[in-house]
C-alpha atoms as a PDB file:
ATOM      1  CA  MET A   1      93.219  92.890 134.727  1.00  0.00           C
ATOM      2  CA  VAL A   2      89.437  91.861 133.772  1.00  0.00           C
ATOM      3  CA  ASN A   3      88.480  88.680 131.454  1.00  0.00           C
ATOM      4  CA  TRP A   4      85.881  89.697 128.928  1.00  0.00           C
ATOM      5  CA  PHE A   5      83.594  87.388 127.194  1.00  0.00           C
ATOM      6  CA  ILE A   6      82.193  89.239 123.950  1.00  0.00           C
ATOM      7  CA  THR A   7      80.013  87.823 121.509  1.00  0.00           C
ATOM      8  CA  GLY A   8      80.369  89.228 117.806  1.00  0.00           C
ATOM      9  CA  ILE A   9      83.627  90.548 117.851  1.00  0.00           C
ATOM     10  CA  GLY A  10      83.741  90.603 113.923  1.00  0.00           C
ATOM     11  CA  GLY A  11      83.616  94.028 113.525  1.00  0.00           C
ATOM     12  CA  GLY A  12      81.541  96.879 114.848  1.00  0.00           C
ATOM     13  CA  LEU A  13      80.856  97.942 118.461  1.00  0.00           C
ATOM     14  CA  GLY A  14      81.887  94.111 119.393  1.00  0.00           C
ATOM     15  CA  ARG A  15      85.386  94.583 117.764  1.00  0.00           C
ATOM     16  CA  ALA A  16      86.037  98.107 119.172  1.00  0.00           C
ATOM     17  CA  LEU A  17      85.089  96.820 122.670  1.00  0.00           C
ATOM     18  CA  ALA A  18      87.459  94.210 122.443  1.00  0.00           C
ATOM     19  CA  GLN A  19      90.602  96.150 121.303  1.00  0.00           C
ATOM     20  CA  ALA A  20      89.836  98.632 123.535  1.00  0.00           C
ATOM     21  CA  ALA A  21      90.158  96.363 126.450  1.00  0.00           C
ATOM     22  CA  LEU A  22      93.037  94.343 124.876  1.00  0.00           C
ATOM     23  CA  ALA A  23      94.962  97.693 124.498  1.00  0.00           C
ATOM     24  CA  ARG A  24      94.904  98.505 128.558  1.00  0.00           C
ATOM     25  CA  GLY A  25      96.058  95.053 129.287  1.00  0.00           C
ATOM     26  CA  ASP A  26      92.729  92.876 129.657  1.00  0.00           C
ATOM     27  CA  THR A  27      92.198  89.454 128.230  1.00  0.00           C
ATOM     28  CA  VAL A  28      89.384  88.781 125.971  1.00  0.00           C
ATOM     29  CA  PHE A  29      87.732  85.685 124.551  1.00  0.00           C
ATOM     30  CA  GLY A  30      85.352  86.467 121.706  1.00  0.00           C
ATOM     31  CA  THR A  31      83.113  84.675 119.328  1.00  0.00           C
ATOM     32  CA  SER A  32      82.251  85.252 115.781  1.00  0.00           C
ATOM     33  CA  ARG A  33      80.529  83.112 112.994  1.00  0.00           C
ATOM     34  CA  SER A  34      83.316  83.640 110.815  1.00  0.00           C
ATOM     35  CA  VAL A  35      86.373  81.297 111.100  1.00  0.00           C
ATOM     36  CA  GLU A  36      88.500  84.180 109.145  1.00  0.00           C
ATOM     37  CA  SER A  37      87.325  86.861 111.961  1.00  0.00           C
ATOM     38  CA  CYS A  38      88.476  84.431 115.162  1.00  0.00           C
ATOM     39  CA  ALA A  39      91.779  83.942 113.266  1.00  0.00           C
ATOM     40  CA  GLN A  40      92.717  87.667 112.899  1.00  0.00           C
ATOM     41  CA  PHE A  41      91.127  88.362 116.401  1.00  0.00           C
ATOM     42  CA  ALA A  42      93.351  85.714 118.433  1.00  0.00           C
ATOM     43  CA  ALA A  43      96.453  87.331 116.813  1.00  0.00           C
ATOM     44  CA  LEU A  44      95.882  90.675 117.995  1.00  0.00           C
ATOM     45  CA  ALA A  45      97.423  89.942 121.287  1.00  0.00           C
ATOM     46  CA  PRO A  46      98.617  86.037 121.654  1.00  0.00           C
ATOM     47  CA  GLY A  47      98.147  84.623 125.373  1.00  0.00           C
ATOM     48  CA  ARG A  48      95.241  87.557 126.162  1.00  0.00           C
ATOM     49  CA  SER A  49      93.027  87.406 122.686  1.00  0.00           C
ATOM     50  CA  PHE A  50      91.338  84.362 122.202  1.00  0.00           C
ATOM     51  CA  ALA A  51      88.328  83.406 119.817  1.00  0.00           C
ATOM     52  CA  HIS A  52      85.754  80.635 119.022  1.00  0.00           C
ATOM     53  CA  GLY A  53      83.451  80.182 116.533  1.00  0.00           C
ATOM     54  CA  LEU A  54      79.540  80.446 117.407  1.00  0.00           C
ATOM     55  CA  ASP A  55      76.288  79.604 115.671  1.00  0.00           C
ATOM     56  CA  PHE A  56      73.654  80.146 117.627  1.00  0.00           C
ATOM     57  CA  ALA A  57      71.382  78.062 115.634  1.00  0.00           C
ATOM     58  CA  ASP A  58      73.110  75.244 117.495  1.00  0.00           C
ATOM     59  CA  PRO A  59      71.336  74.844 121.041  1.00  0.00           C
ATOM     60  CA  ALA A  60      74.247  73.169 122.723  1.00  0.00           C
ATOM     61  CA  ALA A  61      77.015  75.888 121.412  1.00  0.00           C
ATOM     62  CA  PRO A  62      76.468  78.793 123.890  1.00  0.00           C
ATOM     63  CA  ALA A  63      77.148  76.512 127.220  1.00  0.00           C
ATOM     64  CA  ALA A  64      80.035  74.765 125.326  1.00  0.00           C
ATOM     65  CA  VAL A  65      81.554  78.081 123.983  1.00  0.00           C
ATOM     66  CA  ALA A  66      81.315  79.738 127.323  1.00  0.00           C
ATOM     67  CA  ALA A  67      82.615  76.494 129.312  1.00  0.00           C
ATOM     68  CA  LEU A  68      85.654  76.984 126.804  1.00  0.00           C
ATOM     69  CA  ALA A  69      86.024  80.664 127.758  1.00  0.00           C
ATOM     70  CA  GLU A  70      85.814  79.948 131.430  1.00  0.00           C
ATOM     71  CA  GLU A  71      88.505  77.112 130.942  1.00  0.00           C
ATOM     72  CA  THR A  72      90.732  79.267 128.978  1.00  0.00           C
ATOM     73  CA  MET A  73      91.091  82.351 130.625  1.00  0.00           C
ATOM     74  CA  GLY A  74      90.304  80.967 134.234  1.00  0.00           C
ATOM     75  CA  GLY A  75      87.048  82.800 134.654  1.00  0.00           C
ATOM     76  CA  VAL A  76      84.723  85.310 133.075  1.00  0.00           C
ATOM     77  CA  ASP A  77      84.309  88.678 134.732  1.00  0.00           C
ATOM     78  CA  ARG A  78      82.306  90.189 132.618  1.00  0.00           C
ATOM     79  CA  LEU A  79      80.146  88.981 129.717  1.00  0.00           C
ATOM     80  CA  VAL A  80      79.002  91.520 126.783  1.00  0.00           C
ATOM     81  CA  ASN A  81      75.797  90.289 124.712  1.00  0.00           C
ATOM     82  CA  ASN A  82      76.810  91.945 121.471  1.00  0.00           C
ATOM     83  CA  ALA A  83      76.112  89.564 118.575  1.00  0.00           C
ATOM     84  CA  GLY A  84      72.987  90.119 116.868  1.00  0.00           C
ATOM     85  CA  TYR A  85      71.563  92.220 113.438  1.00  0.00           C
ATOM     86  CA  GLY A  86      68.883  94.069 112.218  1.00  0.00           C
ATOM     87  CA  LEU A  87      65.541  93.293 110.127  1.00  0.00           C
ATOM     88  CA  VAL A  88      63.546  96.046 108.573  1.00  0.00           C
ATOM     89  CA  GLY A  89      59.827  96.115 106.967  1.00  0.00           C
ATOM     90  CA  ALA A  90      56.783  96.628 107.956  1.00  0.00           C
ATOM     91  CA  ILE A  91      54.919  94.178 110.078  1.00  0.00           C
ATOM     92  CA  GLU A  92      52.766  92.912 107.230  1.00  0.00           C
ATOM     93  CA  GLU A  93      56.135  92.651 105.260  1.00  0.00           C
ATOM     94  CA  ILE A  94      57.965  90.381 107.518  1.00  0.00           C
ATOM     95  CA  GLU A  95      57.930  86.765 107.160  1.00  0.00           C
ATOM     96  CA  LEU A  96      57.330  85.203 110.265  1.00  0.00           C
ATOM     97  CA  ALA A  97      60.155  82.754 109.801  1.00  0.00           C
ATOM     98  CA  ASP A  98      62.478  85.946 109.529  1.00  0.00           C
ATOM     99  CA  ALA A  99      61.428  87.252 112.983  1.00  0.00           C
ATOM    100  CA  ARG A 100      61.671  84.098 114.699  1.00  0.00           C
ATOM    101  CA  ALA A 101      65.204  83.705 113.267  1.00  0.00           C
ATOM    102  CA  LEU A 102      66.386  87.105 114.732  1.00  0.00           C
ATOM    103  CA  PHE A 103      64.870  86.695 117.892  1.00  0.00           C
ATOM    104  CA  ASP A 104      66.766  83.528 118.270  1.00  0.00           C
ATOM    105  CA  VAL A 105      70.044  85.285 117.933  1.00  0.00           C
ATOM    106  CA  ASN A 106      69.101  88.723 119.529  1.00  0.00           C
ATOM    107  CA  VAL A 107      67.443  87.633 122.506  1.00  0.00           C
ATOM    108  CA  PHE A 108      67.497  83.943 122.800  1.00  0.00           C
ATOM    109  CA  GLY A 109      71.038  83.798 122.068  1.00  0.00           C
ATOM    110  CA  ALA A 110      71.674  86.465 124.771  1.00  0.00           C
ATOM    111  CA  ILE A 111      69.497  84.470 127.146  1.00  0.00           C
ATOM    112  CA  ALA A 112      71.347  81.445 126.493  1.00  0.00           C
ATOM    113  CA  MET A 113      75.079  83.289 127.264  1.00  0.00           C
ATOM    114  CA  ILE A 114      73.361  84.785 130.455  1.00  0.00           C
ATOM    115  CA  GLN A 115      72.217  81.318 131.403  1.00  0.00           C
ATOM    116  CA  SER A 116      75.830  79.944 130.808  1.00  0.00           C
ATOM    117  CA  VAL A 117      77.901  82.398 132.532  1.00  0.00           C
ATOM    118  CA  LEU A 118      75.836  82.959 135.847  1.00  0.00           C
ATOM    119  CA  PRO A 119      76.827  79.697 137.491  1.00  0.00           C
ATOM    120  CA  SER A 120      80.303  80.636 137.915  1.00  0.00           C
ATOM    121  CA  MET A 121      79.356  83.952 138.664  1.00  0.00           C
ATOM    122  CA  ARG A 122      77.424  83.201 141.535  1.00  0.00           C
ATOM    123  CA  ALA A 123      79.776  80.742 142.767  1.00  0.00           C
ATOM    124  CA  GLN A 124      82.423  83.492 142.703  1.00  0.00           C
ATOM    125  CA  GLY A 125      80.075  86.391 143.937  1.00  0.00           C
ATOM    126  CA  ARG A 126      80.847  88.499 141.359  1.00  0.00           C
ATOM    127  CA  GLY A 127      80.537  89.785 137.748  1.00  0.00           C
ATOM    128  CA  HIS A 128      78.888  91.798 135.190  1.00  0.00           C
ATOM    129  CA  ILE A 129      76.664  91.013 132.632  1.00  0.00           C
ATOM    130  CA  VAL A 130      76.405  93.916 129.901  1.00  0.00           C
ATOM    131  CA  ASN A 131      73.794  94.019 127.155  1.00  0.00           C
ATOM    132  CA  ILE A 132      74.012  95.643 123.611  1.00  0.00           C
ATOM    133  CA  THR A 133      70.523  96.643 123.078  1.00  0.00           C
ATOM    134  CA  SER A 134      69.594  99.462 120.756  1.00  0.00           C
ATOM    135  CA  VAL A 135      67.707 102.761 121.100  1.00  0.00           C
ATOM    136  CA  SER A 136      65.193 101.370 119.132  1.00  0.00           C
ATOM    137  CA  GLY A 137      64.416  99.005 122.260  1.00  0.00           C
ATOM    138  CA  LEU A 138      63.748 102.190 123.971  1.00  0.00           C
ATOM    139  CA  ALA A 139      61.816 104.376 121.287  1.00  0.00           C
ATOM    140  CA  PRO A 140      60.405 102.593 118.654  1.00  0.00           C
ATOM    141  CA  TRP A 141      59.970 103.846 114.811  1.00  0.00           C
ATOM    142  CA  ALA A 142      58.149 102.500 111.674  1.00  0.00           C
ATOM    143  CA  GLY A 143      59.939  99.610 109.645  1.00  0.00           C
ATOM    144  CA  THR A 144      61.722  98.532 112.405  1.00  0.00           C
ATOM    145  CA  ALA A 145      59.339  96.666 114.418  1.00  0.00           C
ATOM    146  CA  ILE A 146      60.679  93.139 114.550  1.00  0.00           C
ATOM    147  CA  TYR A 147      64.690  94.214 115.361  1.00  0.00           C
ATOM    148  CA  GLY A 148      63.174  96.927 118.153  1.00  0.00           C
ATOM    149  CA  ALA A 149      60.840  94.055 119.358  1.00  0.00           C
ATOM    150  CA  SER A 150      63.999  92.019 119.879  1.00  0.00           C
ATOM    151  CA  LYS A 151      65.881  94.631 121.841  1.00  0.00           C
ATOM    152  CA  TYR A 152      62.725  95.870 123.933  1.00  0.00           C
ATOM    153  CA  ALA A 153      62.882  92.267 125.153  1.00  0.00           C
ATOM    154  CA  LEU A 154      66.757  92.243 125.799  1.00  0.00           C
ATOM    155  CA  GLU A 155      65.996  95.670 127.803  1.00  0.00           C
ATOM    156  CA  CYS A 156      63.571  93.719 129.785  1.00  0.00           C
ATOM    157  CA  VAL A 157      65.848  90.531 130.406  1.00  0.00           C
ATOM    158  CA  GLY A 158      68.436  93.320 131.529  1.00  0.00           C
ATOM    159  CA  GLN A 159      66.585  94.963 133.867  1.00  0.00           C
ATOM    160  CA  THR A 160      65.005  91.815 135.602  1.00  0.00           C
ATOM    161  CA  LEU A 161      68.409  90.100 135.685  1.00  0.00           C
ATOM    162  CA  ALA A 162      69.633  93.104 137.577  1.00  0.00           C
ATOM    163  CA  GLN A 163      66.997  92.703 140.201  1.00  0.00           C
ATOM    164  CA  GLU A 164      67.453  88.970 140.439  1.00  0.00           C
ATOM    165  CA  VAL A 165      71.288  88.990 140.861  1.00  0.00           C
ATOM    166  CA  ARG A 166      72.170  92.250 142.853  1.00  0.00           C
ATOM    167  CA  PRO A 167      72.192  90.505 145.951  1.00  0.00           C
ATOM    168  CA  LEU A 168      74.408  88.236 144.521  1.00  0.00           C
ATOM    169  CA  GLY A 169      76.755  90.375 143.902  1.00  0.00           C
ATOM    170  CA  ILE A 170      76.663  90.679 140.212  1.00  0.00           C
ATOM    171  CA  LYS A 171      75.890  93.646 137.974  1.00  0.00           C
ATOM    172  CA  VAL A 172      73.805  94.052 134.649  1.00  0.00           C
ATOM    173  CA  THR A 173      74.465  97.031 132.430  1.00  0.00           C
ATOM    174  CA  ASN A 174      72.054  97.729 129.196  1.00  0.00           C
ATOM    175  CA  VAL A 175      73.805 100.110 126.396  1.00  0.00           C
ATOM    176  CA  ALA A 176      71.512 101.314 124.225  1.00  0.00           C
ATOM    177  CA  PRO A 177      73.507 102.987 121.458  1.00  0.00           C
ATOM    178  CA  GLY A 178      72.101 105.251 118.772  1.00  0.00           C
ATOM    179  CA  GLY A 179      73.641 105.092 114.816  1.00  0.00           C
ATOM    180  CA  MET A 180      77.010 104.209 114.600  1.00  0.00           C
ATOM    181  CA  ARG A 181      79.804 104.028 111.760  1.00  0.00           C
ATOM    182  CA  THR A 182      79.645 100.249 111.562  1.00  0.00           C
ATOM    183  CA  ASN A 183      78.461  97.393 109.168  1.00  0.00           C
ATOM    184  CA  PHE A 184      75.285  96.951 111.039  1.00  0.00           C
ATOM    185  CA  ALA A 185      73.248  98.768 108.155  1.00  0.00           C
ATOM    186  CA  GLY A 186      75.294  97.138 105.667  1.00  0.00           C
ATOM    187  CA  GLY A 187      76.055  93.439 106.046  1.00  0.00           C
ATOM    188  CA  SER A 188      74.253  92.773 109.445  1.00  0.00           C
ATOM    189  CA  LEU A 189      71.019  94.314 108.449  1.00  0.00           C
ATOM    190  CA  ARG A 190      68.272  92.288 106.732  1.00  0.00           C
ATOM    191  CA  LEU A 191      65.655  93.578 104.468  1.00  0.00           C
ATOM    192  CA  ALA A 192      62.245  92.309 104.130  1.00  0.00           C
ATOM    193  CA  GLU A 193      61.804  90.723 100.573  1.00  0.00           C
ATOM    194  CA  LEU A 194      58.038  91.837 100.352  1.00  0.00           C
ATOM    195  CA  THR A 195      57.558  95.840  99.915  1.00  0.00           C
ATOM    196  CA  LEU A 196      53.931  97.041  99.605  1.00  0.00           C
ATOM    197  CA  ALA A 197      53.608 100.490  98.230  1.00  0.00           C
ATOM    198  CA  ASP A 198      51.162 101.314 100.970  1.00  0.00           C
ATOM    199  CA  TYR A 199      53.802 101.753 103.677  1.00  0.00           C
ATOM    200  CA  GLU A 200      56.228 103.677 101.179  1.00  0.00           C
ATOM    201  CA  GLY A 201      55.349 107.067 103.422  1.00  0.00           C
ATOM    202  CA  THR A 202      55.696 105.234 106.800  1.00  0.00           C
ATOM    203  CA  ALA A 203      57.622 102.144 107.431  1.00  0.00           C
ATOM    204  CA  HIS A 204      59.806 102.264 104.417  1.00  0.00           C
ATOM    205  CA  PHE A 205      61.537 105.262 105.525  1.00  0.00           C
ATOM    206  CA  ALA A 206      63.607 103.031 107.848  1.00  0.00           C
ATOM    207  CA  ARG A 207      64.932 100.681 104.873  1.00  0.00           C
ATOM    208  CA  HIS A 208      65.885 104.286 102.721  1.00  0.00           C
ATOM    209  CA  SER A 209      67.339 105.639 106.349  1.00  0.00           C
ATOM    210  CA  LEU A 210      69.582 102.998 107.271  1.00  0.00           C
ATOM    211  CA  THR A 211      70.938 102.002 103.727  1.00  0.00           C
ATOM    212  CA  THR A 212      71.492 105.588 102.324  1.00  0.00           C
ATOM    213  CA  GLY A 213      73.118 106.690 105.589  1.00  0.00           C
ATOM    214  CA  LEU A 214      75.638 103.751 105.792  1.00  0.00           C
ATOM    215  CA  GLY A 215      78.887 105.052 106.598  1.00  0.00           C
ATOM    216  CA  GLN A 216      77.665 108.812 107.553  1.00  0.00           C
ATOM    217  CA  GLU A 217      76.383 107.785 111.263  1.00  0.00           C
ATOM    218  CA  LYS A 218      77.692 110.061 114.005  1.00  0.00           C
ATOM    219  CA  GLY A 219      78.654 107.795 116.490  1.00  0.00           C
ATOM    220  CA  ASP A 220      82.324 106.361 116.497  1.00  0.00           C
ATOM    221  CA  PRO A 221      82.672 102.954 117.695  1.00  0.00           C
ATOM    222  CA  ALA A 222      85.808 103.467 119.183  1.00  0.00           C
ATOM    223  CA  ARG A 223      84.531 106.338 121.313  1.00  0.00           C
ATOM    224  CA  ALA A 224      81.633 104.537 122.565  1.00  0.00           C
ATOM    225  CA  ALA A 225      83.753 101.249 123.634  1.00  0.00           C
ATOM    226  CA  SER A 226      85.610 103.735 125.577  1.00  0.00           C
ATOM    227  CA  ALA A 227      82.913 105.481 127.236  1.00  0.00           C
ATOM    228  CA  ILE A 228      81.459 101.681 128.028  1.00  0.00           C
ATOM    229  CA  LEU A 229      84.707 100.701 129.397  1.00  0.00           C
ATOM    230  CA  ALA A 230      84.680 104.143 131.667  1.00  0.00           C
ATOM    231  CA  ALA A 231      81.142 103.540 132.784  1.00  0.00           C
ATOM    232  CA  LEU A 232      81.311  99.705 133.590  1.00  0.00           C
ATOM    233  CA  ASP A 233      84.772 100.533 135.963  1.00  0.00           C
ATOM    234  CA  GLU A 234      82.672 103.160 137.859  1.00  0.00           C
ATOM    235  CA  SER A 235      82.073 101.783 141.668  1.00  0.00           C
ATOM    236  CA  GLU A 236      78.519 101.952 140.938  1.00  0.00           C
ATOM    237  CA  PRO A 237      78.074 101.459 136.734  1.00  0.00           C
ATOM    238  CA  PRO A 238      74.787 102.327 135.480  1.00  0.00           C
ATOM    239  CA  MET A 239      71.952 100.188 134.440  1.00  0.00           C
ATOM    240  CA  HIS A 240      71.188 101.637 132.032  1.00  0.00           C
ATOM    241  CA  LEU A 241      73.741 103.649 129.318  1.00  0.00           C
ATOM    242  CA  LEU A 242      72.867 105.534 126.031  1.00  0.00           C
ATOM    243  CA  LEU A 243      75.218 105.947 123.477  1.00  0.00           C
ATOM    244  CA  GLY A 244      74.860 109.244 121.194  1.00  0.00           C
ATOM    245  CA  GLU A 245      73.067 112.251 120.649  1.00  0.00           C
ATOM    246  CA  ASP A 246      70.505 110.567 118.877  1.00  0.00           C
ATOM    247  CA  ALA A 247      69.930 108.166 121.449  1.00  0.00           C
ATOM    248  CA  LEU A 248      69.435 110.361 124.116  1.00  0.00           C
ATOM    249  CA  HIS A 249      66.658 112.520 121.968  1.00  0.00           C
ATOM    250  CA  TYR A 250      64.697 109.892 120.921  1.00  0.00           C
ATOM    251  CA  ALA A 251      64.803 108.043 124.298  1.00  0.00           C
ATOM    252  CA  GLU A 252      64.053 111.459 125.878  1.00  0.00           C
ATOM    253  CA  GLY A 253      61.193 112.203 123.158  1.00  0.00           C
ATOM    254  CA  GLN A 254      59.714 108.756 124.102  1.00  0.00           C
ATOM    255  CA  THR A 255      59.685 109.143 127.703  1.00  0.00           C
ATOM    256  CA  ASP A 256      58.049 112.479 127.380  1.00  0.00           C
ATOM    257  CA  LEU A 257      55.417 111.035 125.169  1.00  0.00           C
ATOM    258  CA  LEU A 258      54.669 108.369 127.832  1.00  0.00           C
ATOM    259  CA  ARG A 259      54.368 110.679 130.462  1.00  0.00           C
ATOM    260  CA  ALA A 260      51.792 112.756 128.538  1.00  0.00           C
ATOM    261  CA  GLU A 261      49.820 110.339 127.659  1.00  0.00           C
ATOM    262  CA  MET A 262      49.872 108.603 131.114  1.00  0.00           C
ATOM    263  CA  GLU A 263      48.855 111.944 132.525  1.00  0.00           C
ATOM    264  CA  ARG A 264      45.935 112.781 129.770  1.00  0.00           C
ATOM    265  CA  TRP A 265      44.536 109.338 130.084  1.00  0.00           C
ATOM    266  CA  ARG A 266      44.883 108.995 134.274  1.00  0.00           C
ATOM    267  CA  HIS A 267      41.316 109.260 134.978  1.00  0.00           C
ATOM    268  CA  TYR A 268      40.415 106.205 132.655  1.00  0.00           C
ATOM    269  CA  SER A 269      43.584 104.550 134.508  1.00  0.00           C
ATOM    270  CA  LEU A 270      42.264 105.340 137.708  1.00  0.00           C
ATOM    271  CA  SER A 271      38.409 104.331 136.821  1.00  0.00           C
ATOM    272  CA  THR A 272      39.138 100.535 137.013  1.00  0.00           C
ATOM    273  CA  ALA A 273      38.983  99.375 140.860  1.00  0.00           C
ATOM    274  CA  TYR A 274      35.935  98.042 142.548  1.00  0.00           C
ATOM    275  CA  PRO A 275      34.124 101.176 144.318  1.00  0.00           C
ATOM    276  CA  ALA A 276      35.081 101.544 147.807  1.00  0.00           C
ATOM    277  CA  VAL A 277      32.841  99.916 150.507  1.00  0.00           C
ATOM    278  CA  GLU A 278      31.470 102.198 152.837  1.00  0.00           C
ATOM    279  CA  ALA A 279      32.018 101.207 156.283  1.00  0.00           C
ATOM    280  CA  VAL A 280      28.694  99.595 158.046  1.00  0.00           C
ATOM    281  CA  GLY A 281      28.153  99.691 161.774  1.00  0.00           C
ATOM    282  CA  GLY A 282      27.381 101.994 164.640  1.00  0.00           C
ATOM    283  CA  ASP A 283      26.284 101.664 167.820  1.00  0.00           C
ATOM    284  CA  ALA A 284      24.614  98.701 169.044  1.00  0.00           C
END
């Protein structure tokens, strides 16, 4: 039996993953900003499903809730950083206050949760930290710069964390989903208030694509949860797990583009070293 600590279990992938874990007999401590969602989740499997409110605007909240989760379950085996939301708009259209607020949840909130569970994981010599990122954190597209940047940052946090904690017996997996049939493009998506006509043919595509495609996404959260469970249970779980045909397509395209750019401009890349110093000397 695995003890899970999952942020953002009010709906979407977080809820689907929590329910899948409960269905196989695991214990889950979840968080949500909604009191109603917490009550509903706690009733799913009394004695194995627990929930508590968490507002990342309170700097002391992550550590306090993590301590409660450890006390309630007798330890945390897996932390899943799932809480987050989206923001679309051209970079020029985004208010800096909105960008900072998003990073407080998507990035700093996740870092705070990681810092909160690591002491106990280090003490027990095992654990698994899972970060729900996004294909937008691997393959950027116009109109999603701030959201994508937060996921780029979380990707980096996960990758460097994996290097730091591997010798301690702790595993790290970054999960990058594509589009899924959740409420991400609904209640979990913020739209820039300012709209400039010059970006109609570029950045505004993201706004139109996400909002008009709500409910038509190809990704199934329940199947995504099953895939995550299976991957994490592997003896050598992945550090990178992309979910969805679209996630693979866009990530592969970005990788190909980066490699092509590296090759095309390799001569400039290699032109920046100091000139080689010729050996000086000879017979005396």
